[in-house]
C-alpha atoms as a PDB file:
ATOM      1  CA  MET A   1      59.973  57.610 -36.692  1.00  0.00           C
ATOM      2  CA  ASP A   2      62.159  60.523 -37.849  1.00  0.00           C
ATOM      3  CA  ILE A   3      65.328  58.430 -37.924  1.00  0.00           C
ATOM      4  CA  LYS A   4      65.941  56.946 -41.380  1.00  0.00           C
ATOM      5  CA  ASN A   5      69.739  56.872 -41.730  1.00  0.00           C
ATOM      6  CA  ILE A   6      71.941  55.221 -39.120  1.00  0.00           C
ATOM      7  CA  SER A   7      75.722  54.910 -39.009  1.00  0.00           C
ATOM      8  CA  VAL A   8      77.451  52.150 -37.072  1.00  0.00           C
ATOM      9  CA  LEU A   9      81.116  52.555 -36.157  1.00  0.00           C
ATOM     10  CA  GLY A  10      82.744  49.144 -35.920  1.00  0.00           C
ATOM     11  CA  THR A  11      82.529  45.864 -37.822  1.00  0.00           C
ATOM     12  CA  GLY A  12      83.082  43.312 -35.047  1.00  0.00           C
ATOM     13  CA  THR A  13      80.594  41.078 -33.252  1.00  0.00           C
ATOM     14  CA  MET A  14      78.564  44.002 -31.933  1.00  0.00           C
ATOM     15  CA  GLY A  15      79.028  46.416 -34.841  1.00  0.00           C
ATOM     16  CA  HIS A  16      77.960  44.060 -37.628  1.00  0.00           C
ATOM     17  CA  GLY A  17      75.034  42.805 -35.510  1.00  0.00           C
ATOM     18  CA  ILE A  18      73.721  46.334 -34.905  1.00  0.00           C
ATOM     19  CA  ALA A  19      74.134  47.152 -38.604  1.00  0.00           C
ATOM     20  CA  LEU A  20      72.210  44.027 -39.610  1.00  0.00           C
ATOM     21  CA  PHE A  21      69.284  44.615 -37.241  1.00  0.00           C
ATOM     22  CA  SER A  22      69.031  48.238 -38.363  1.00  0.00           C
ATOM     23  CA  ALA A  23      68.879  47.144 -42.026  1.00  0.00           C
ATOM     24  CA  LEU A  24      66.347  44.414 -41.187  1.00  0.00           C
ATOM     25  CA  ALA A  25      64.134  47.159 -39.730  1.00  0.00           C
ATOM     26  CA  GLY A  26      64.308  49.069 -43.032  1.00  0.00           C
ATOM     27  CA  LEU A  27      66.853  51.736 -42.099  1.00  0.00           C
ATOM     28  CA  ASN A  28      69.619  52.886 -44.413  1.00  0.00           C
ATOM     29  CA  VAL A  29      72.895  51.836 -42.770  1.00  0.00           C
ATOM     30  CA  VAL A  30      76.467  53.058 -43.108  1.00  0.00           C
ATOM     31  CA  MET A  31      79.014  50.750 -41.435  1.00  0.00           C
ATOM     32  CA  TYR A  32      82.439  52.232 -40.658  1.00  0.00           C
ATOM     33  CA  GLY A  33      85.576  50.093 -40.622  1.00  0.00           C
ATOM     34  CA  ARG A  34      89.194  51.180 -40.382  1.00  0.00           C
ATOM     35  CA  SER A  35      90.308  49.154 -43.423  1.00  0.00           C
ATOM     36  CA  ASP A  36      89.129  47.049 -46.362  1.00  0.00           C
ATOM     37  CA  ALA A  37      89.938  43.923 -44.341  1.00  0.00           C
ATOM     38  CA  SER A  38      87.811  45.145 -41.435  1.00  0.00           C
ATOM     39  CA  LEU A  39      84.855  45.893 -43.696  1.00  0.00           C
ATOM     40  CA  GLU A  40      85.224  42.534 -45.425  1.00  0.00           C
ATOM     41  CA  ARG A  41      85.058  40.738 -42.060  1.00  0.00           C
ATOM     42  CA  GLY A  42      81.988  42.735 -41.102  1.00  0.00           C
ATOM     43  CA  PHE A  43      80.133  42.015 -44.345  1.00  0.00           C
ATOM     44  CA  ASN A  44      81.105  38.327 -44.231  1.00  0.00           C
ATOM     45  CA  SER A  45      79.585  38.118 -40.743  1.00  0.00           C
ATOM     46  CA  ILE A  46      76.420  39.852 -41.946  1.00  0.00           C
ATOM     47  CA  LYS A  47      76.151  37.449 -44.898  1.00  0.00           C
ATOM     48  CA  ALA A  48      76.597  34.470 -42.566  1.00  0.00           C
ATOM     49  CA  ASP A  49      73.771  35.742 -40.326  1.00  0.00           C
ATOM     50  CA  LEU A  50      71.530  36.322 -43.356  1.00  0.00           C
ATOM     51  CA  ASN A  51      72.255  32.804 -44.607  1.00  0.00           C
ATOM     52  CA  ARG A  52      71.188  31.441 -41.211  1.00  0.00           C
ATOM     53  CA  LEU A  53      67.952  33.456 -41.315  1.00  0.00           C
ATOM     54  CA  GLU A  54      67.283  32.195 -44.850  1.00  0.00           C
ATOM     55  CA  ALA A  55      67.949  28.598 -43.816  1.00  0.00           C
ATOM     56  CA  GLU A  56      65.481  28.974 -40.939  1.00  0.00           C
ATOM     57  CA  GLY A  57      62.836  30.301 -43.326  1.00  0.00           C
ATOM     58  CA  ASP A  58      62.692  33.793 -41.818  1.00  0.00           C
ATOM     59  CA  LEU A  59      63.916  35.410 -45.055  1.00  0.00           C
ATOM     60  CA  ASN A  60      64.086  34.481 -48.729  1.00  0.00           C
ATOM     61  CA  LYS A  61      67.006  35.079 -51.095  1.00  0.00           C
ATOM     62  CA  ASN A  62      65.475  38.309 -52.421  1.00  0.00           C
ATOM     63  CA  ASP A  63      65.000  39.627 -48.857  1.00  0.00           C
ATOM     64  CA  CYS A  64      68.656  38.921 -48.071  1.00  0.00           C
ATOM     65  CA  HIS A  65      69.780  40.713 -51.227  1.00  0.00           C
ATOM     66  CA  ASN A  66      67.672  43.791 -50.432  1.00  0.00           C
ATOM     67  CA  ILE A  67      68.852  43.931 -46.813  1.00  0.00           C
ATOM     68  CA  LEU A  68      72.502  43.660 -47.823  1.00  0.00           C
ATOM     69  CA  ASN A  69      72.000  46.502 -50.304  1.00  0.00           C
ATOM     70  CA  LYS A  70      70.824  48.756 -47.468  1.00  0.00           C
ATOM     71  CA  ILE A  71      74.266  48.556 -45.800  1.00  0.00           C
ATOM     72  CA  LYS A  72      77.143  50.633 -47.169  1.00  0.00           C
ATOM     73  CA  GLY A  73      80.739  50.280 -45.982  1.00  0.00           C
ATOM     74  CA  VAL A  74      82.962  53.337 -45.457  1.00  0.00           C
ATOM     75  CA  LYS A  75      86.491  53.902 -44.117  1.00  0.00           C
ATOM     76  CA  THR A  76      86.360  57.505 -42.877  1.00  0.00           C
ATOM     77  CA  ILE A  77      84.486  59.125 -40.007  1.00  0.00           C
ATOM     78  CA  GLU A  78      83.505  61.959 -42.332  1.00  0.00           C
ATOM     79  CA  GLU A  79      81.646  59.527 -44.605  1.00  0.00           C
ATOM     80  CA  ALA A  80      80.025  57.855 -41.615  1.00  0.00           C
ATOM     81  CA  ALA A  81      78.819  61.195 -40.238  1.00  0.00           C
ATOM     82  CA  LYS A  82      77.440  62.493 -43.540  1.00  0.00           C
ATOM     83  CA  ASP A  83      73.610  62.341 -43.710  1.00  0.00           C
ATOM     84  CA  ALA A  84      73.377  60.294 -40.472  1.00  0.00           C
ATOM     85  CA  ASP A  85      70.342  60.815 -38.223  1.00  0.00           C
ATOM     86  CA  PHE A  86      71.754  58.559 -35.500  1.00  0.00           C
ATOM     87  CA  ILE A  87      75.252  57.162 -34.896  1.00  0.00           C
ATOM     88  CA  ILE A  88      76.142  54.144 -32.745  1.00  0.00           C
ATOM     89  CA  GLU A  89      79.823  53.703 -31.891  1.00  0.00           C
ATOM     90  CA  SER A  90      80.997  50.156 -31.212  1.00  0.00           C
ATOM     91  CA  LEU A  91      84.784  50.433 -31.283  1.00  0.00           C
ATOM     92  CA  ALA A  92      87.530  49.635 -28.744  1.00  0.00           C
ATOM     93  CA  GLU A  93      86.487  49.694 -25.076  1.00  0.00           C
ATOM     94  CA  ASP A  94      88.981  52.476 -24.399  1.00  0.00           C
ATOM     95  CA  LEU A  95      87.910  55.781 -22.840  1.00  0.00           C
ATOM     96  CA  LYS A  96      90.585  57.826 -24.604  1.00  0.00           C
ATOM     97  CA  VAL A  97      89.656  56.393 -28.020  1.00  0.00           C
ATOM     98  CA  LYS A  98      85.947  56.991 -27.452  1.00  0.00           C
ATOM     99  CA  LYS A  99      86.478  60.573 -26.254  1.00  0.00           C
ATOM    100  CA  GLU A 100      88.482  61.351 -29.393  1.00  0.00           C
ATOM    101  CA  PHE A 101      85.851  59.851 -31.704  1.00  0.00           C
ATOM    102  CA  PHE A 102      82.963  61.631 -30.003  1.00  0.00           C
ATOM    103  CA  GLN A 103      84.763  64.973 -29.997  1.00  0.00           C
ATOM    104  CA  LYS A 104      85.253  64.583 -33.758  1.00  0.00           C
ATOM    105  CA  LEU A 105      81.682  63.397 -34.372  1.00  0.00           C
ATOM    106  CA  ASP A 106      80.362  66.313 -32.331  1.00  0.00           C
ATOM    107  CA  LEU A 107      82.068  68.733 -34.727  1.00  0.00           C
ATOM    108  CA  LEU A 108      81.013  66.868 -37.875  1.00  0.00           C
ATOM    109  CA  CYS A 109      77.324  66.266 -37.109  1.00  0.00           C
ATOM    110  CA  ASN A 110      74.394  68.634 -36.818  1.00  0.00           C
ATOM    111  CA  PRO A 111      73.354  69.171 -33.157  1.00  0.00           C
ATOM    112  CA  GLN A 112      70.142  67.154 -33.604  1.00  0.00           C
ATOM    113  CA  VAL A 113      72.040  63.980 -34.563  1.00  0.00           C
ATOM    114  CA  ILE A 114      72.150  61.592 -31.590  1.00  0.00           C
ATOM    115  CA  LEU A 115      75.563  60.093 -30.812  1.00  0.00           C
ATOM    116  CA  ALA A 116      75.402  56.764 -28.957  1.00  0.00           C
ATOM    117  CA  THR A 117      78.144  54.516 -27.606  1.00  0.00           C
ATOM    118  CA  ASN A 118      77.883  50.759 -27.175  1.00  0.00           C
ATOM    119  CA  THR A 119      80.224  50.758 -24.170  1.00  0.00           C
ATOM    120  CA  SER A 120      79.563  48.044 -21.595  1.00  0.00           C
ATOM    121  CA  GLY A 121      80.531  50.204 -18.640  1.00  0.00           C
ATOM    122  CA  LEU A 122      82.417  53.410 -19.452  1.00  0.00           C
ATOM    123  CA  SER A 123      80.910  56.710 -18.288  1.00  0.00           C
ATOM    124  CA  PRO A 124      78.835  58.600 -20.887  1.00  0.00           C
ATOM    125  CA  THR A 125      79.568  61.796 -18.948  1.00  0.00           C
ATOM    126  CA  GLU A 126      83.306  61.289 -19.398  1.00  0.00           C
ATOM    127  CA  ILE A 127      82.900  60.281 -23.047  1.00  0.00           C
ATOM    128  CA  ALA A 128      81.002  63.542 -23.674  1.00  0.00           C
ATOM    129  CA  GLU A 129      83.498  65.630 -21.681  1.00  0.00           C
ATOM    130  CA  ASN A 130      85.129  67.432 -24.635  1.00  0.00           C
ATOM    131  CA  THR A 131      82.009  67.885 -26.777  1.00  0.00           C
ATOM    132  CA  LYS A 132      79.963  71.045 -27.355  1.00  0.00           C
ATOM    133  CA  HIS A 133      76.658  69.159 -27.351  1.00  0.00           C
ATOM    134  CA  PRO A 134      76.783  66.601 -24.496  1.00  0.00           C
ATOM    135  CA  GLU A 135      72.984  66.636 -24.359  1.00  0.00           C
ATOM    136  CA  ARG A 136      72.837  64.374 -27.457  1.00  0.00           C
ATOM    137  CA  ILE A 137      75.323  61.751 -26.201  1.00  0.00           C
ATOM    138  CA  VAL A 138      73.996  58.519 -24.675  1.00  0.00           C
ATOM    139  CA  VAL A 139      74.918  54.871 -24.034  1.00  0.00           C
ATOM    140  CA  THR A 140      73.159  52.106 -25.977  1.00  0.00           C
ATOM    141  CA  HIS A 141      74.640  48.943 -24.468  1.00  0.00           C
ATOM    142  CA  PHE A 142      73.689  46.015 -26.704  1.00  0.00           C
ATOM    143  CA  TRP A 143      74.201  42.623 -25.078  1.00  0.00           C
ATOM    144  CA  ASN A 144      76.294  39.909 -26.701  1.00  0.00           C
ATOM    145  CA  PRO A 145      75.470  38.056 -28.883  1.00  0.00           C
ATOM    146  CA  PRO A 146      73.293  40.907 -30.272  1.00  0.00           C
ATOM    147  CA  GLN A 147      71.470  38.626 -32.733  1.00  0.00           C
ATOM    148  CA  LEU A 148      70.194  36.491 -29.822  1.00  0.00           C
ATOM    149  CA  ILE A 149      69.943  38.793 -26.786  1.00  0.00           C
ATOM    150  CA  PRO A 150      67.207  41.470 -27.033  1.00  0.00           C
ATOM    151  CA  LEU A 151      68.403  43.666 -24.137  1.00  0.00           C
ATOM    152  CA  VAL A 152      69.777  47.156 -24.807  1.00  0.00           C
ATOM    153  CA  GLU A 153      70.595  49.340 -21.795  1.00  0.00           C
ATOM    154  CA  ILE A 154      70.056  53.057 -22.419  1.00  0.00           C
ATOM    155  CA  VAL A 155      72.185  55.131 -20.049  1.00  0.00           C
ATOM    156  CA  PRO A 156      72.237  58.946 -19.874  1.00  0.00           C
ATOM    157  CA  GLY A 157      75.227  61.073 -19.005  1.00  0.00           C
ATOM    158  CA  ALA A 158      74.972  64.008 -16.612  1.00  0.00           C
ATOM    159  CA  LYS A 159      73.863  66.333 -19.445  1.00  0.00           C
ATOM    160  CA  THR A 160      71.954  63.939 -21.701  1.00  0.00           C
ATOM    161  CA  SER A 161      68.540  65.397 -22.575  1.00  0.00           C
ATOM    162  CA  LYS A 162      65.214  63.640 -22.045  1.00  0.00           C
ATOM    163  CA  ASP A 163      64.515  64.076 -25.759  1.00  0.00           C
ATOM    164  CA  THR A 164      67.691  62.114 -26.555  1.00  0.00           C
ATOM    165  CA  ILE A 165      66.567  59.278 -24.272  1.00  0.00           C
ATOM    166  CA  LEU A 166      63.066  59.168 -25.781  1.00  0.00           C
ATOM    167  CA  LYS A 167      64.324  59.140 -29.385  1.00  0.00           C
ATOM    168  CA  THR A 168      66.940  56.509 -28.547  1.00  0.00           C
ATOM    169  CA  LYS A 169      64.314  54.282 -26.911  1.00  0.00           C
ATOM    170  CA  GLU A 170      62.102  54.698 -29.981  1.00  0.00           C
ATOM    171  CA  LEU A 171      64.933  53.598 -32.289  1.00  0.00           C
ATOM    172  CA  ILE A 172      65.930  50.602 -30.149  1.00  0.00           C
ATOM    173  CA  GLU A 173      62.353  49.329 -30.063  1.00  0.00           C
ATOM    174  CA  PHE A 174      61.908  50.035 -33.789  1.00  0.00           C
ATOM    175  CA  ILE A 175      64.755  47.660 -34.655  1.00  0.00           C
ATOM    176  CA  GLY A 176      63.183  44.956 -32.497  1.00  0.00           C
ATOM    177  CA  LYS A 177      65.196  45.199 -29.283  1.00  0.00           C
ATOM    178  CA  LYS A 178      64.058  45.586 -25.659  1.00  0.00           C
ATOM    179  CA  ALA A 179      65.089  48.957 -24.235  1.00  0.00           C
ATOM    180  CA  VAL A 180      65.856  49.352 -20.524  1.00  0.00           C
ATOM    181  CA  CYS A 181      66.289  53.015 -19.547  1.00  0.00           C
ATOM    182  CA  MET A 182      68.379  54.021 -16.541  1.00  0.00           C
ATOM    183  CA  GLU A 183      67.606  57.188 -14.601  1.00  0.00           C
ATOM    184  CA  LYS A 184      71.313  57.998 -14.273  1.00  0.00           C
ATOM    185  CA  GLU A 185      74.638  56.311 -14.884  1.00  0.00           C
ATOM    186  CA  CYS A 186      76.551  54.036 -12.534  1.00  0.00           C
ATOM    187  CA  LEU A 187      79.569  51.762 -12.983  1.00  0.00           C
ATOM    188  CA  GLY A 188      78.606  48.602 -14.885  1.00  0.00           C
ATOM    189  CA  PHE A 189      75.032  49.835 -15.486  1.00  0.00           C
ATOM    190  CA  ILE A 190      72.320  47.331 -14.485  1.00  0.00           C
ATOM    191  CA  GLY A 191      73.232  44.118 -16.274  1.00  0.00           C
ATOM    192  CA  ASN A 192      76.909  43.887 -15.447  1.00  0.00           C
ATOM    193  CA  ARG A 193      76.358  44.834 -11.793  1.00  0.00           C
ATOM    194  CA  LEU A 194      73.887  41.962 -11.442  1.00  0.00           C
ATOM    195  CA  GLN A 195      76.054  39.588 -13.493  1.00  0.00           C
ATOM    196  CA  LEU A 196      79.232  40.272 -11.506  1.00  0.00           C
ATOM    197  CA  ALA A 197      77.446  40.110  -8.138  1.00  0.00           C
ATOM    198  CA  LEU A 198      76.142  36.656  -9.067  1.00  0.00           C
ATOM    199  CA  LEU A 199      79.548  35.542 -10.380  1.00  0.00           C
ATOM    200  CA  ARG A 200      81.291  36.736  -7.204  1.00  0.00           C
ATOM    201  CA  GLU A 201      79.015  34.639  -4.981  1.00  0.00           C
ATOM    202  CA  ALA A 202      79.197  31.626  -7.315  1.00  0.00           C
ATOM    203  CA  MET A 203      83.017  31.626  -7.194  1.00  0.00           C
ATOM    204  CA  TYR A 204      82.965  32.148  -3.428  1.00  0.00           C
ATOM    205  CA  ILE A 205      80.834  29.011  -2.975  1.00  0.00           C
ATOM    206  CA  VAL A 206      83.411  27.035  -5.013  1.00  0.00           C
ATOM    207  CA  GLU A 207      86.345  28.659  -3.146  1.00  0.00           C
ATOM    208  CA  GLN A 208      84.894  27.643   0.209  1.00  0.00           C
ATOM    209  CA  GLY A 209      84.590  24.038  -0.956  1.00  0.00           C
ATOM    210  CA  TRP A 210      80.818  24.057  -0.467  1.00  0.00           C
ATOM    211  CA  ALA A 211      80.079  22.822  -4.004  1.00  0.00           C
ATOM    212  CA  LYS A 212      81.821  22.097  -7.304  1.00  0.00           C
ATOM    213  CA  PRO A 213      81.426  24.479 -10.294  1.00  0.00           C
ATOM    214  CA  GLU A 214      79.061  22.190 -12.189  1.00  0.00           C
ATOM    215  CA  GLU A 215      76.741  21.921  -9.172  1.00  0.00           C
ATOM    216  CA  VAL A 216      76.651  25.700  -8.748  1.00  0.00           C
ATOM    217  CA  ASP A 217      75.776  26.108 -12.423  1.00  0.00           C
ATOM    218  CA  LYS A 218      73.070  23.454 -12.247  1.00  0.00           C
ATOM    219  CA  ALA A 219      71.511  25.220  -9.253  1.00  0.00           C
ATOM    220  CA  MET A 220      71.200  28.338 -11.416  1.00  0.00           C
ATOM    221  CA  GLU A 221      70.098  26.545 -14.607  1.00  0.00           C
ATOM    222  CA  TYR A 222      67.368  24.450 -12.967  1.00  0.00           C
ATOM    223  CA  GLY A 223      66.330  26.950 -10.290  1.00  0.00           C
ATOM    224  CA  HIS A 224      66.715  30.683 -10.834  1.00  0.00           C
ATOM    225  CA  GLY A 225      67.283  30.224 -14.562  1.00  0.00           C
ATOM    226  CA  ARG A 226      63.801  28.753 -15.027  1.00  0.00           C
ATOM    227  CA  ARG A 227      62.177  31.642 -13.149  1.00  0.00           C
ATOM    228  CA  LEU A 228      64.204  34.675 -14.195  1.00  0.00           C
ATOM    229  CA  PRO A 229      62.940  34.853 -17.815  1.00  0.00           C
ATOM    230  CA  VAL A 230      59.503  35.660 -16.379  1.00  0.00           C
ATOM    231  CA  THR A 231      60.218  37.250 -12.997  1.00  0.00           C
ATOM    232  CA  GLY A 232      63.343  39.275 -12.237  1.00  0.00           C
ATOM    233  CA  PRO A 233      64.838  39.466  -8.740  1.00  0.00           C
ATOM    234  CA  LEU A 234      62.550  42.237  -7.506  1.00  0.00           C
ATOM    235  CA  SER A 235      59.292  40.761  -8.794  1.00  0.00           C
ATOM    236  CA  SER A 236      60.444  37.355  -7.477  1.00  0.00           C
ATOM    237  CA  ALA A 237      60.805  38.922  -4.032  1.00  0.00           C
ATOM    238  CA  ASP A 238      57.319  40.431  -4.289  1.00  0.00           C
ATOM    239  CA  LEU A 239      55.839  37.101  -5.326  1.00  0.00           C
ATOM    240  CA  GLY A 240      57.662  35.219  -2.574  1.00  0.00           C
ATOM    241  CA  GLY A 241      56.749  37.781   0.084  1.00  0.00           C
ATOM    242  CA  LEU A 242      58.991  40.644   1.182  1.00  0.00           C
ATOM    243  CA  ASP A 243      58.641  39.545   4.805  1.00  0.00           C
ATOM    244  CA  ILE A 244      60.150  36.162   3.885  1.00  0.00           C
ATOM    245  CA  PHE A 245      63.010  37.763   1.965  1.00  0.00           C
ATOM    246  CA  GLN A 246      63.658  40.215   4.795  1.00  0.00           C
ATOM    247  CA  SER A 247      63.883  37.308   7.214  1.00  0.00           C
ATOM    248  CA  ILE A 248      66.382  35.472   5.000  1.00  0.00           C
ATOM    249  CA  SER A 249      68.366  38.679   4.440  1.00  0.00           C
ATOM    250  CA  ALA A 250      68.708  39.189   8.197  1.00  0.00           C
ATOM    251  CA  TYR A 251      70.884  36.104   8.619  1.00  0.00           C
ATOM    252  CA  LEU A 252      72.284  35.565   5.089  1.00  0.00           C
ATOM    253  CA  PHE A 253      73.529  39.032   4.062  1.00  0.00           C
ATOM    254  CA  GLN A 254      76.257  38.958   6.719  1.00  0.00           C
ATOM    255  CA  ASP A 255      77.539  35.638   5.338  1.00  0.00           C
ATOM    256  CA  LEU A 256      77.579  36.564   1.638  1.00  0.00           C
ATOM    257  CA  CYS A 257      80.850  37.249  -0.154  1.00  0.00           C
ATOM    258  CA  ASP A 258      81.909  40.891   0.069  1.00  0.00           C
ATOM    259  CA  TYR A 259      85.275  40.784  -1.734  1.00  0.00           C
ATOM    260  CA  LYS A 260      86.431  44.180  -2.968  1.00  0.00           C
ATOM    261  CA  GLU A 261      89.050  42.593  -5.225  1.00  0.00           C
ATOM    262  CA  PRO A 262      88.586  39.954  -7.958  1.00  0.00           C
ATOM    263  CA  SER A 263      88.187  36.405  -6.702  1.00  0.00           C
ATOM    264  CA  LYS A 264      91.412  34.628  -5.692  1.00  0.00           C
ATOM    265  CA  LEU A 265      90.136  31.553  -7.542  1.00  0.00           C
ATOM    266  CA  MET A 266      89.665  33.484 -10.787  1.00  0.00           C
ATOM    267  CA  LYS A 267      93.013  35.252 -10.359  1.00  0.00           C
ATOM    268  CA  GLU A 268      94.788  31.892 -10.027  1.00  0.00           C
ATOM    269  CA  LYS A 269      93.167  30.534 -13.173  1.00  0.00           C
ATOM    270  CA  VAL A 270      94.050  33.645 -15.185  1.00  0.00           C
ATOM    271  CA  GLU A 271      97.666  33.560 -13.972  1.00  0.00           C
ATOM    272  CA  GLU A 272      97.852  29.893 -15.021  1.00  0.00           C
ATOM    273  CA  GLY A 273      96.570  30.804 -18.497  1.00  0.00           C
ATOM    274  CA  ASN A 274      93.267  28.989 -17.994  1.00  0.00           C
ATOM    275  CA  LEU A 275      90.932  31.611 -19.469  1.00  0.00           C
ATOM    276  CA  GLY A 276      87.892  29.460 -20.170  1.00  0.00           C
ATOM    277  CA  SER A 277      86.648  28.301 -23.563  1.00  0.00           C
ATOM    278  CA  LYS A 278      89.160  30.463 -25.442  1.00  0.00           C
ATOM    279  CA  THR A 279      92.061  28.397 -24.063  1.00  0.00           C
ATOM    280  CA  GLY A 280      90.225  25.105 -23.501  1.00  0.00           C
ATOM    281  CA  ASN A 281      90.258  25.242 -19.700  1.00  0.00           C
ATOM    282  CA  GLY A 282      88.663  27.399 -17.018  1.00  0.00           C
ATOM    283  CA  PHE A 283      86.179  26.103 -14.486  1.00  0.00           C
ATOM    284  CA  TYR A 284      85.501  23.411 -17.098  1.00  0.00           C
ATOM    285  CA  ASN A 285      87.521  21.462 -19.644  1.00  0.00           C
ATOM    286  CA  TRP A 286      86.321  22.776 -23.022  1.00  0.00           C
ATOM    287  CA  THR A 287      86.953  20.357 -25.865  1.00  0.00           C
ATOM    288  CA  LYS A 288      85.778  21.326 -29.343  1.00  0.00           C
ATOM    289  CA  GLU A 289      82.825  18.975 -28.951  1.00  0.00           C
ATOM    290  CA  THR A 290      81.712  20.236 -25.524  1.00  0.00           C
ATOM    291  CA  LEU A 291      82.031  23.881 -26.609  1.00  0.00           C
ATOM    292  CA  GLU A 292      79.978  23.325 -29.767  1.00  0.00           C
ATOM    293  CA  LYS A 293      77.339  21.416 -27.773  1.00  0.00           C
ATOM    294  CA  LYS A 294      77.005  24.194 -25.179  1.00  0.00           C
ATOM    295  CA  GLN A 295      76.881  26.933 -27.829  1.00  0.00           C
ATOM    296  CA  ARG A 296      74.233  24.983 -29.745  1.00  0.00           C
ATOM    297  CA  GLU A 297      72.130  24.509 -26.593  1.00  0.00           C
ATOM    298  CA  ARG A 298      72.410  28.218 -25.776  1.00  0.00           C
ATOM    299  CA  THR A 299      71.457  29.281 -29.301  1.00  0.00           C
ATOM    300  CA  GLU A 300      68.442  26.958 -29.449  1.00  0.00           C
ATOM    301  CA  LEU A 301      67.122  28.236 -26.114  1.00  0.00           C
ATOM    302  CA  LEU A 302      67.663  31.895 -26.972  1.00  0.00           C
ATOM    303  CA  LEU A 303      65.924  31.424 -30.331  1.00  0.00           C
ATOM    304  CA  HIS A 304      62.998  29.924 -28.420  1.00  0.00           C
ATOM    305  CA  PHE A 305      62.734  33.077 -26.325  1.00  0.00           C
ATOM    306  CA  ILE A 306      63.026  35.309 -29.422  1.00  0.00           C
ATOM    307  CA  GLU A 307      60.089  33.435 -30.967  1.00  0.00           C
ATOM    308  CA  LYS A 308      58.153  33.838 -27.724  1.00  0.00           C
ATOM    309  CA  ASP A 309      58.913  37.591 -27.608  1.00  0.00           C
ATOM    310  CA  ASN A 310      57.752  37.986 -31.213  1.00  0.00           C
ATOM    311  CA  ASN A 311      54.434  36.300 -30.431  1.00  0.00           C
ATOM    312  CA  ILE A 312      53.608  38.495 -27.436  1.00  0.00           C
END
């Protein structure tokens, strides 16, 4: 692979995770933060992740030291752009901010340097609007938490070149992630469109009084959730028989939720300040103990799938 030096803009959950996985793959990494405090937070998060990997036996102390030495912190875009073969931006989810950064990066970097954004839904075409080389701008949407979820959506803008897509896919797979390439952009990409469609119907079922939140979640966890890691919705339909699914669609589609605005139920909870685990209440009552238990269960299961992926 031609790419040896990667720069990551951002030190938060996504930024530090991308930097770590790039260093684990043997790349030289520059991590940009706006301040000393920002860089310190990023490196502390990286050290915590390395300590976990060491505790699990995946790395030894010498490995951790060498990996940490492959990551350099900088506080200017100029330093981040210097010598980079590939740049991944993971800053504020704000179109204006991203457009300004990419316009500046476009002027600083050689035309062959690929400029990627970790946006979860903003348009790569709009982000590239004020650049001279929009053909090298692409979305690499890492899923959160990046250390546990392998998916990265690769999304082209209107002028993104095929060469940019191919090189981006090569990099994503080189650092151990699973690349999913879109043919063209759409709002929300693939993952968030599917996630929000499912959430809309789940909340509608609760709104109508047909089932309580915990029953809806259990239906997913013990039904679809057991099948989806192996067969997605389209392969599930093939395996079940398209004639069967067409028959169900004929009577069920007309009864499914088709809200064009956010759910009234979710709006009420937000207005009441019940934002979920971050406030202690949402659809569930999140005590410290229940939150830690659920996070632990999620981590253990996701680590199981990572081990399975690595053995394929």
